[in-house]
Amino acid sequence: MIKHAVIMNLPEGKIPGYYAQVVKSLASKTNLFDRDKEVLIVNSKNELLSVIEVMNQFKLNYETCALYLLPEDAKLTNHYSDFGFTSKFGNTYLYENLTSIFYFTENKESSTSQAIHQIEEHKLAEYNSDEITYYAVEKHLEELILGISKAYQCQIKFI
């Protein structure tokens, strides 16, 4: 599931309560889905626009990005944190611009399991949803993943 985020660059040296004013203004404009330090996460592009409006109102520097929200039971590898984070509320995200998520569209057990074995070392996360297993990898590895699936005569689809 895609979420939208604003990464704030909070200025140093502001008087106490400045951040509280930003938070109060945000609360009056939109509902935050989640947050983690300077990252504010919302559900929709419309909500993202409301957050951007507040950032501009307070003349804060910021970046926007899209995030994949992973299910609670996702299996994470040791290096997933180079491509995402777990929020203070316990939600796990991957940066959409750095990662790709795919699944096998045909399930020939023997060839699929061999392909999965080859992909294992490149995997950032794995999770199940609606009886489909999804795999997250670094975005720049899409061609490699396609090559592996072709070599084992498997069909995959990137989401």
Foldseek 3Di string as FASTA:
>chain_A
DKKKKKQWDDDPPDDPCPVVVLVVQLVVQADFPADAVRITIGHDPVSVVSNVVSCVVSVIDIDMFMKDWDDLPKDFDPPQVVFWDQGPVGITIGTPVFKWKKFWPDCPPPLVVVLCVVCVVFFGIWDDDPNTIMTMGTPVCPVVSVVSCVVSVIDMDID
